[in-house]
Amino acid sequence: AIKAAVSEELKAVFKKYPTKLLANQSQEYSIYV
């Protein structure tokens, strides 16, 4: 368990599926291409 808890593999799963509790968002900005 302690090896898995600190692993990069678990970190990658957390990064891939973030839980965005109370996330903050900026205003929208535009780009003309």
PDB file of all heavy atoms in Angstrom:
ATOM      1  N   ALA A   1       0.817  -1.214   0.000  1.00  0.00           N
ATOM      2  CA  ALA A   1       0.000   0.000   0.000  1.00  0.00           C
ATOM      3  C   ALA A   1       0.852   1.265   0.000  1.00  0.00           C
ATOM      4  O   ALA A   1       0.570   2.223  -0.740  1.00  0.00           O
ATOM      5  CB  ALA A   1      -0.936  -0.001   1.207  1.00  0.00           C
ATOM      6  N   ILE A   2       1.882   1.295   0.811  1.00  0.00           N
ATOM      7  CA  ILE A   2       2.673   2.538   0.868  1.00  0.00           C
ATOM      8  C   ILE A   2       3.476   2.744  -0.416  1.00  0.00           C
ATOM      9  O   ILE A   2       3.725   3.883  -0.829  1.00  0.00           O
ATOM     10  CB  ILE A   2       3.588   2.570   2.120  1.00  0.00           C
ATOM     11  CG1 ILE A   2       4.583   1.399   2.120  1.00  0.00           C
ATOM     12  CG2 ILE A   2       2.750   2.603   3.396  1.00  0.00           C
ATOM     13  CD1 ILE A   2       5.606   1.478   3.257  1.00  0.00           C
ATOM     14  N   LYS A   3       3.877   1.656  -1.049  1.00  0.00           N
ATOM     15  CA  LYS A   3       4.562   1.814  -2.339  1.00  0.00           C
ATOM     16  C   LYS A   3       3.601   2.345  -3.402  1.00  0.00           C
ATOM     17  O   LYS A   3       3.941   3.227  -4.192  1.00  0.00           O
ATOM     18  CB  LYS A   3       5.140   0.472  -2.791  1.00  0.00           C
ATOM     19  CG  LYS A   3       6.319  -0.005  -1.966  1.00  0.00           C
ATOM     20  CD  LYS A   3       6.819  -1.359  -2.477  1.00  0.00           C
ATOM     21  CE  LYS A   3       7.973  -1.878  -1.626  1.00  0.00           C
ATOM     22  NZ  LYS A   3       8.434  -3.220  -2.081  1.00  0.00           N
ATOM     23  N   ALA A   4       2.396   1.832  -3.408  1.00  0.00           N
ATOM     24  CA  ALA A   4       1.400   2.283  -4.387  1.00  0.00           C
ATOM     25  C   ALA A   4       0.975   3.721  -4.129  1.00  0.00           C
ATOM     26  O   ALA A   4       0.720   4.492  -5.066  1.00  0.00           O
ATOM     27  CB  ALA A   4       0.192   1.359  -4.357  1.00  0.00           C
ATOM     28  N   ALA A   5       0.904   4.091  -2.857  1.00  0.00           N
ATOM     29  CA  ALA A   5       0.422   5.430  -2.507  1.00  0.00           C
ATOM     30  C   ALA A   5       1.329   6.530  -3.048  1.00  0.00           C
ATOM     31  O   ALA A   5       0.859   7.630  -3.383  1.00  0.00           O
ATOM     32  CB  ALA A   5       0.286   5.558  -0.989  1.00  0.00           C
ATOM     33  N   VAL A   6       2.620   6.247  -3.124  1.00  0.00           N
ATOM     34  CA  VAL A   6       3.568   7.289  -3.561  1.00  0.00           C
ATOM     35  C   VAL A   6       3.954   7.115  -5.033  1.00  0.00           C
ATOM     36  O   VAL A   6       4.800   7.849  -5.541  1.00  0.00           O
ATOM     37  CB  VAL A   6       4.839   7.268  -2.684  1.00  0.00           C
ATOM     38  CG1 VAL A   6       4.479   7.486  -1.217  1.00  0.00           C
ATOM     39  CG2 VAL A   6       5.612   5.956  -2.852  1.00  0.00           C
ATOM     40  N   SER A   7       3.323   6.179  -5.726  1.00  0.00           N
ATOM     41  CA  SER A   7       3.755   5.838  -7.084  1.00  0.00           C
ATOM     42  C   SER A   7       3.364   6.891  -8.114  1.00  0.00           C
ATOM     43  O   SER A   7       2.367   7.601  -7.969  1.00  0.00           O
ATOM     44  CB  SER A   7       3.166   4.486  -7.489  1.00  0.00           C
ATOM     45  OG  SER A   7       1.757   4.605  -7.666  1.00  0.00           O
ATOM     46  N   GLU A   8       4.156   6.949  -9.172  1.00  0.00           N
ATOM     47  CA  GLU A   8       3.845   7.817 -10.303  1.00  0.00           C
ATOM     48  C   GLU A   8       2.619   7.310 -11.056  1.00  0.00           C
ATOM     49  O   GLU A   8       1.885   8.088 -11.662  1.00  0.00           O
ATOM     50  CB  GLU A   8       5.048   7.893 -11.253  1.00  0.00           C
ATOM     51  CG  GLU A   8       6.221   8.699 -10.718  1.00  0.00           C
ATOM     52  CD  GLU A   8       5.866  10.171 -10.525  1.00  0.00           C
ATOM     53  OE1 GLU A   8       5.178  10.749 -11.397  1.00  0.00           O
ATOM     54  OE2 GLU A   8       6.262  10.731  -9.485  1.00  0.00           O
ATOM     55  N   GLU A   9       2.396   6.010 -10.991  1.00  0.00           N
ATOM     56  CA  GLU A   9       1.232   5.430 -11.668  1.00  0.00           C
ATOM     57  C   GLU A   9      -0.062   5.973 -11.074  1.00  0.00           C
ATOM     58  O   GLU A   9      -0.990   6.363 -11.790  1.00  0.00           O
ATOM     59  CB  GLU A   9       1.271   3.906 -11.564  1.00  0.00           C
ATOM     60  CG  GLU A   9       0.185   3.213 -12.377  1.00  0.00           C
ATOM     61  CD  GLU A   9       0.295   1.696 -12.335  1.00  0.00           C
ATOM     62  OE1 GLU A   9       1.182   1.182 -11.618  1.00  0.00           O
ATOM     63  OE2 GLU A   9      -0.510   1.031 -13.022  1.00  0.00           O
ATOM     64  N   LEU A  10      -0.129   6.016  -9.734  1.00  0.00           N
ATOM     65  CA  LEU A  10      -1.320   6.558  -9.081  1.00  0.00           C
ATOM     66  C   LEU A  10      -1.442   8.059  -9.342  1.00  0.00           C
ATOM     67  O   LEU A  10      -2.540   8.578  -9.583  1.00  0.00           O
ATOM     68  CB  LEU A  10      -1.280   6.287  -7.582  1.00  0.00           C
ATOM     69  CG  LEU A  10      -2.457   6.840  -6.773  1.00  0.00           C
ATOM     70  CD1 LEU A  10      -3.784   6.302  -7.302  1.00  0.00           C
ATOM     71  CD2 LEU A  10      -2.301   6.521  -5.287  1.00  0.00           C
ATOM     72  N   LYS A  11      -0.309   8.733  -9.312  1.00  0.00           N
ATOM     73  CA  LYS A  11      -0.322  10.175  -9.594  1.00  0.00           C
ATOM     74  C   LYS A  11      -0.890  10.444 -10.985  1.00  0.00           C
ATOM     75  O   LYS A  11      -1.664  11.386 -11.190  1.00  0.00           O
ATOM     76  CB  LYS A  11       1.085  10.749  -9.469  1.00  0.00           C
ATOM     77  CG  LYS A  11       1.150  12.248  -9.659  1.00  0.00           C
ATOM     78  CD  LYS A  11       2.578  12.769  -9.465  1.00  0.00           C
ATOM     79  CE  LYS A  11       2.639  14.279  -9.611  1.00  0.00           C
ATOM     80  NZ  LYS A  11       4.020  14.793  -9.408  1.00  0.00           N
ATOM     81  N   ALA A  12      -0.520   9.601 -11.955  1.00  0.00           N
ATOM     82  CA  ALA A  12      -1.002   9.784 -13.324  1.00  0.00           C
ATOM     83  C   ALA A  12      -2.518   9.617 -13.400  1.00  0.00           C
ATOM     84  O   ALA A  12      -3.200  10.334 -14.146  1.00  0.00           O
ATOM     85  CB  ALA A  12      -0.317   8.794 -14.253  1.00  0.00           C
ATOM     86  N   VAL A  13      -3.078   8.681 -12.609  1.00  0.00           N
ATOM     87  CA  VAL A  13      -4.527   8.496 -12.598  1.00  0.00           C
ATOM     88  C   VAL A  13      -5.217   9.717 -11.997  1.00  0.00           C
ATOM     89  O   VAL A  13      -6.229  10.208 -12.519  1.00  0.00           O
ATOM     90  CB  VAL A  13      -4.898   7.220 -11.819  1.00  0.00           C
ATOM     91  CG1 VAL A  13      -6.419   7.122 -11.653  1.00  0.00           C
ATOM     92  CG2 VAL A  13      -4.369   5.986 -12.523  1.00  0.00           C
ATOM     93  N   PHE A  14      -4.660  10.221 -10.891  1.00  0.00           N
ATOM     94  CA  PHE A  14      -5.228  11.426 -10.277  1.00  0.00           C
ATOM     95  C   PHE A  14      -5.179  12.615 -11.242  1.00  0.00           C
ATOM     96  O   PHE A  14      -6.112  13.424 -11.305  1.00  0.00           O
ATOM     97  CB  PHE A  14      -4.468  11.777  -8.995  1.00  0.00           C
ATOM     98  CG  PHE A  14      -4.808  10.902  -7.813  1.00  0.00           C
ATOM     99  CD1 PHE A  14      -3.861  10.639  -6.830  1.00  0.00           C
ATOM    100  CD2 PHE A  14      -6.065  10.355  -7.670  1.00  0.00           C
ATOM    101  CE1 PHE A  14      -4.173   9.853  -5.734  1.00  0.00           C
ATOM    102  CE2 PHE A  14      -6.389   9.557  -6.572  1.00  0.00           C
ATOM    103  CZ  PHE A  14      -5.435   9.303  -5.603  1.00  0.00           C
ATOM    104  N   LYS A  15      -4.073  12.739 -11.993  1.00  0.00           N
ATOM    105  CA  LYS A  15      -3.944  13.849 -12.961  1.00  0.00           C
ATOM    106  C   LYS A  15      -4.940  13.691 -14.109  1.00  0.00           C
ATOM    107  O   LYS A  15      -5.502  14.672 -14.595  1.00  0.00           O
ATOM    108  CB  LYS A  15      -2.517  13.892 -13.522  1.00  0.00           C
ATOM    109  CG  LYS A  15      -1.442  14.225 -12.516  1.00  0.00           C
ATOM    110  CD  LYS A  15      -1.279  15.714 -12.279  1.00  0.00           C
ATOM    111  CE  LYS A  15      -0.528  16.378 -13.385  1.00  0.00           C
ATOM    112  NZ  LYS A  15      -0.195  17.788 -13.058  1.00  0.00           N
ATOM    113  N   LYS A  16      -5.164  12.427 -14.496  1.00  0.00           N
ATOM    114  CA  LYS A  16      -6.037  12.162 -15.639  1.00  0.00           C
ATOM    115  C   LYS A  16      -7.499  12.398 -15.294  1.00  0.00           C
ATOM    116  O   LYS A  16      -8.287  12.839 -16.138  1.00  0.00           O
ATOM    117  CB  LYS A  16      -5.821  10.725 -16.109  1.00  0.00           C
ATOM    118  CG  LYS A  16      -6.578  10.359 -17.383  1.00  0.00           C
ATOM    119  CD  LYS A  16      -6.226   8.935 -17.818  1.00  0.00           C
ATOM    120  CE  LYS A  16      -6.981   8.541 -19.079  1.00  0.00           C
ATOM    121  NZ  LYS A  16      -6.642   7.137 -19.493  1.00  0.00           N
ATOM    122  N   TYR A  17      -7.864  12.118 -14.045  1.00  0.00           N
ATOM    123  CA  TYR A  17      -9.262  12.247 -13.620  1.00  0.00           C
ATOM    124  C   TYR A  17      -9.356  13.163 -12.398  1.00  0.00           C
ATOM    125  O   TYR A  17      -9.615  12.696 -11.279  1.00  0.00           O
ATOM    126  CB  TYR A  17      -9.849  10.870 -13.283  1.00  0.00           C
ATOM    127  CG  TYR A  17      -9.765   9.876 -14.414  1.00  0.00           C
ATOM    128  CD1 TYR A  17      -8.768   8.901 -14.432  1.00  0.00           C
ATOM    129  CD2 TYR A  17     -10.679   9.907 -15.461  1.00  0.00           C
ATOM    130  CE1 TYR A  17      -8.684   7.988 -15.473  1.00  0.00           C
ATOM    131  CE2 TYR A  17     -10.613   8.995 -16.503  1.00  0.00           C
ATOM    132  CZ  TYR A  17      -9.601   8.040 -16.507  1.00  0.00           C
ATOM    133  OH  TYR A  17      -9.530   7.139 -17.543  1.00  0.00           O
ATOM    134  N   PRO A  18      -9.116  14.442 -12.601  1.00  0.00           N
ATOM    135  CA  PRO A  18      -9.124  15.344 -11.445  1.00  0.00           C
ATOM    136  C   PRO A  18     -10.539  15.560 -10.901  1.00  0.00           C
ATOM    137  O   PRO A  18     -11.517  15.567 -11.654  1.00  0.00           O
ATOM    138  CB  PRO A  18      -8.564  16.645 -12.022  1.00  0.00           C
ATOM    139  CG  PRO A  18      -8.946  16.609 -13.465  1.00  0.00           C
ATOM    140  CD  PRO A  18      -8.859  15.160 -13.860  1.00  0.00           C
ATOM    141  N   THR A  19     -10.625  15.716  -9.603  1.00  0.00           N
ATOM    142  CA  THR A  19     -11.882  16.112  -8.972  1.00  0.00           C
ATOM    143  C   THR A  19     -11.795  17.603  -8.705  1.00  0.00           C
ATOM    144  O   THR A  19     -11.052  18.048  -7.823  1.00  0.00           O
ATOM    145  CB  THR A  19     -12.104  15.350  -7.659  1.00  0.00           C
ATOM    146  OG1 THR A  19     -12.119  13.951  -7.943  1.00  0.00           O
ATOM    147  CG2 THR A  19     -13.418  15.764  -7.017  1.00  0.00           C
ATOM    148  N   LYS A  20     -12.520  18.387  -9.488  1.00  0.00           N
ATOM    149  CA  LYS A  20     -12.371  19.845  -9.455  1.00  0.00           C
ATOM    150  C   LYS A  20     -13.369  20.464  -8.476  1.00  0.00           C
ATOM    151  O   LYS A  20     -14.268  21.215  -8.853  1.00  0.00           O
ATOM    152  CB  LYS A  20     -12.556  20.421 -10.858  1.00  0.00           C
ATOM    153  CG  LYS A  20     -11.547  19.888 -11.861  1.00  0.00           C
ATOM    154  CD  LYS A  20     -11.819  20.440 -13.260  1.00  0.00           C
ATOM    155  CE  LYS A  20     -10.840  19.908 -14.278  1.00  0.00           C
ATOM    156  NZ  LYS A  20     -11.118  20.418 -15.647  1.00  0.00           N
ATOM    157  N   LEU A  21     -13.186  20.122  -7.210  1.00  0.00           N
ATOM    158  CA  LEU A  21     -14.070  20.661  -6.192  1.00  0.00           C
ATOM    159  C   LEU A  21     -13.834  22.161  -6.033  1.00  0.00           C
ATOM    160  O   LEU A  21     -12.710  22.601  -5.825  1.00  0.00           O
ATOM    161  CB  LEU A  21     -13.833  19.943  -4.857  1.00  0.00           C
ATOM    162  CG  LEU A  21     -14.719  20.364  -3.685  1.00  0.00           C
ATOM    163  CD1 LEU A  21     -16.181  19.995  -3.969  1.00  0.00           C
ATOM    164  CD2 LEU A  21     -14.233  19.697  -2.396  1.00  0.00           C
ATOM    165  N   LEU A  22     -14.911  22.946  -6.165  1.00  0.00           N
ATOM    166  CA  LEU A  22     -14.849  24.408  -5.992  1.00  0.00           C
ATOM    167  C   LEU A  22     -13.822  25.056  -6.930  1.00  0.00           C
ATOM    168  O   LEU A  22     -13.099  25.974  -6.552  1.00  0.00           O
ATOM    169  CB  LEU A  22     -14.526  24.767  -4.539  1.00  0.00           C
ATOM    170  CG  LEU A  22     -15.528  24.262  -3.486  1.00  0.00           C
ATOM    171  CD1 LEU A  22     -15.053  24.605  -2.093  1.00  0.00           C
ATOM    172  CD2 LEU A  22     -16.907  24.843  -3.744  1.00  0.00           C
ATOM    173  N   ALA A  23     -13.766  24.558  -8.137  1.00  0.00           N
ATOM    174  CA  ALA A  23     -12.828  25.134  -9.109  1.00  0.00           C
ATOM    175  C   ALA A  23     -13.190  26.589  -9.407  1.00  0.00           C
ATOM    176  O   ALA A  23     -14.366  26.969  -9.410  1.00  0.00           O
ATOM    177  CB  ALA A  23     -12.841  24.319 -10.394  1.00  0.00           C
ATOM    178  N   ASN A  24     -12.165  27.358  -9.679  1.00  0.00           N
ATOM    179  CA  ASN A  24     -12.363  28.759 -10.075  1.00  0.00           C
ATOM    180  C   ASN A  24     -12.052  28.894 -11.561  1.00  0.00           C
ATOM    181  O   ASN A  24     -11.159  28.196 -12.074  1.00  0.00           O
ATOM    182  CB  ASN A  24     -11.472  29.683  -9.262  1.00  0.00           C
ATOM    183  CG  ASN A  24     -11.945  31.126  -9.295  1.00  0.00           C
ATOM    184  OD1 ASN A  24     -12.976  31.431  -9.897  1.00  0.00           O
ATOM    185  ND2 ASN A  24     -11.201  32.012  -8.662  1.00  0.00           N
ATOM    186  N   GLN A  25     -12.782  29.770 -12.224  1.00  0.00           N
ATOM    187  CA  GLN A  25     -12.579  29.965 -13.661  1.00  0.00           C
ATOM    188  C   GLN A  25     -12.399  31.440 -13.964  1.00  0.00           C
ATOM    189  O   GLN A  25     -13.057  32.296 -13.367  1.00  0.00           O
ATOM    190  CB  GLN A  25     -13.783  29.432 -14.455  1.00  0.00           C
ATOM    191  CG  GLN A  25     -13.996  27.939 -14.326  1.00  0.00           C
ATOM    192  CD  GLN A  25     -15.230  27.470 -15.076  1.00  0.00           C
ATOM    193  OE1 GLN A  25     -16.012  28.276 -15.565  1.00  0.00           O
ATOM    194  NE2 GLN A  25     -15.404  26.158 -15.174  1.00  0.00           N
ATOM    195  N   SER A  26     -11.525  31.707 -14.906  1.00  0.00           N
ATOM    196  CA  SER A  26     -11.340  33.084 -15.362  1.00  0.00           C
ATOM    197  C   SER A  26     -12.453  33.447 -16.336  1.00  0.00           C
ATOM    198  O   SER A  26     -13.257  32.598 -16.734  1.00  0.00           O
ATOM    199  CB  SER A  26      -9.989  33.238 -16.056  1.00  0.00           C
ATOM    200  OG  SER A  26     -10.022  32.626 -17.351  1.00  0.00           O
ATOM    201  N   GLN A  27     -12.482  34.673 -16.749  1.00  0.00           N
ATOM    202  CA  GLN A  27     -13.366  35.060 -17.838  1.00  0.00           C
ATOM    203  C   GLN A  27     -12.862  34.436 -19.133  1.00  0.00           C
ATOM    204  O   GLN A  27     -11.729  33.929 -19.198  1.00  0.00           O
ATOM    205  CB  GLN A  27     -13.392  36.581 -17.985  1.00  0.00           C
ATOM    206  CG  GLN A  27     -12.083  37.175 -18.508  1.00  0.00           C
ATOM    207  CD  GLN A  27     -12.137  38.676 -18.657  1.00  0.00           C
ATOM    208  OE1 GLN A  27     -12.099  39.409 -17.687  1.00  0.00           O
ATOM    209  NE2 GLN A  27     -12.216  39.136 -19.899  1.00  0.00           N
ATOM    210  N   GLU A  28     -13.660  34.475 -20.161  1.00  0.00           N
ATOM    211  CA  GLU A  28     -13.235  33.963 -21.460  1.00  0.00           C
ATOM    212  C   GLU A  28     -12.463  35.038 -22.226  1.00  0.00           C
ATOM    213  O   GLU A  28     -12.800  36.220 -22.172  1.00  0.00           O
ATOM    214  CB  GLU A  28     -14.449  33.509 -22.276  1.00  0.00           C
ATOM    215  CG  GLU A  28     -15.132  32.288 -21.694  1.00  0.00           C
ATOM    216  CD  GLU A  28     -16.306  31.822 -22.550  1.00  0.00           C
ATOM    217  OE1 GLU A  28     -16.475  32.354 -23.678  1.00  0.00           O
ATOM    218  OE2 GLU A  28     -17.050  30.943 -22.088  1.00  0.00           O
ATOM    219  N   TYR A  29     -11.436  34.602 -22.922  1.00  0.00           N
ATOM    220  CA  TYR A  29     -10.636  35.479 -23.781  1.00  0.00           C
ATOM    221  C   TYR A  29     -10.725  34.944 -25.206  1.00  0.00           C
ATOM    222  O   TYR A  29     -10.860  33.739 -25.421  1.00  0.00           O
ATOM    223  CB  TYR A  29      -9.179  35.513 -23.314  1.00  0.00           C
ATOM    224  CG  TYR A  29      -9.020  36.012 -21.899  1.00  0.00           C
ATOM    225  CD1 TYR A  29      -8.918  35.118 -20.834  1.00  0.00           C
ATOM    226  CD2 TYR A  29      -8.986  37.375 -21.624  1.00  0.00           C
ATOM    227  CE1 TYR A  29      -8.781  35.579 -19.534  1.00  0.00           C
ATOM    228  CE2 TYR A  29      -8.839  37.845 -20.322  1.00  0.00           C
ATOM    229  CZ  TYR A  29      -8.741  36.941 -19.286  1.00  0.00           C
ATOM    230  OH  TYR A  29      -8.617  37.395 -17.997  1.00  0.00           O
ATOM    231  N   SER A  30     -10.639  35.837 -26.171  1.00  0.00           N
ATOM    232  CA  SER A  30     -10.824  35.420 -27.565  1.00  0.00           C
ATOM    233  C   SER A  30      -9.535  35.520 -28.363  1.00  0.00           C
ATOM    234  O   SER A  30      -8.621  36.279 -28.027  1.00  0.00           O
ATOM    235  CB  SER A  30     -11.925  36.251 -28.229  1.00  0.00           C
ATOM    236  OG  SER A  30     -11.613  37.625 -28.191  1.00  0.00           O
ATOM    237  N   ILE A  31      -9.508  34.742 -29.427  1.00  0.00           N
ATOM    238  CA  ILE A  31      -8.372  34.693 -30.354  1.00  0.00           C
ATOM    239  C   ILE A  31      -8.947  34.754 -31.757  1.00  0.00           C
ATOM    240  O   ILE A  31      -9.873  33.989 -32.071  1.00  0.00           O
ATOM    241  CB  ILE A  31      -7.579  33.376 -30.199  1.00  0.00           C
ATOM    242  CG1 ILE A  31      -7.194  33.131 -28.739  1.00  0.00           C
ATOM    243  CG2 ILE A  31      -6.344  33.370 -31.100  1.00  0.00           C
ATOM    244  CD1 ILE A  31      -6.906  31.665 -28.456  1.00  0.00           C
ATOM    245  N   TYR A  32      -8.417  35.639 -32.593  1.00  0.00           N
ATOM    246  CA  TYR A  32      -8.841  35.612 -33.991  1.00  0.00           C
ATOM    247  C   TYR A  32      -7.718  34.997 -34.821  1.00  0.00           C
ATOM    248  O   TYR A  32      -6.573  35.465 -34.789  1.00  0.00           O
ATOM    249  CB  TYR A  32      -9.206  36.989 -34.548  1.00  0.00           C
ATOM    250  CG  TYR A  32      -9.911  36.816 -35.879  1.00  0.00           C
ATOM    251  CD1 TYR A  32     -11.271  36.538 -35.918  1.00  0.00           C
ATOM    252  CD2 TYR A  32      -9.203  36.804 -37.081  1.00  0.00           C
ATOM    253  CE1 TYR A  32     -11.917  36.280 -37.119  1.00  0.00           C
ATOM    254  CE2 TYR A  32      -9.837  36.548 -38.284  1.00  0.00           C
ATOM    255  CZ  TYR A  32     -11.190  36.291 -38.293  1.00  0.00           C
ATOM    256  OH  TYR A  32     -11.817  36.013 -39.478  1.00  0.00           O
ATOM    257  N   VAL A  33      -8.068  33.966 -35.559  1.00  0.00           N
ATOM    258  CA  VAL A  33      -7.087  33.202 -36.320  1.00  0.00           C
ATOM    259  C   VAL A  33      -7.262  33.489 -37.808  1.00  0.00           C
ATOM    260  O   VAL A  33      -8.326  33.246 -38.379  1.00  0.00           O
ATOM    261  CB  VAL A  33      -7.237  31.690 -36.039  1.00  0.00           C
ATOM    262  CG1 VAL A  33      -6.163  30.906 -36.792  1.00  0.00           C
ATOM    263  CG2 VAL A  33      -7.148  31.418 -34.538  1.00  0.00           C
TER     264      VAL A  33
END
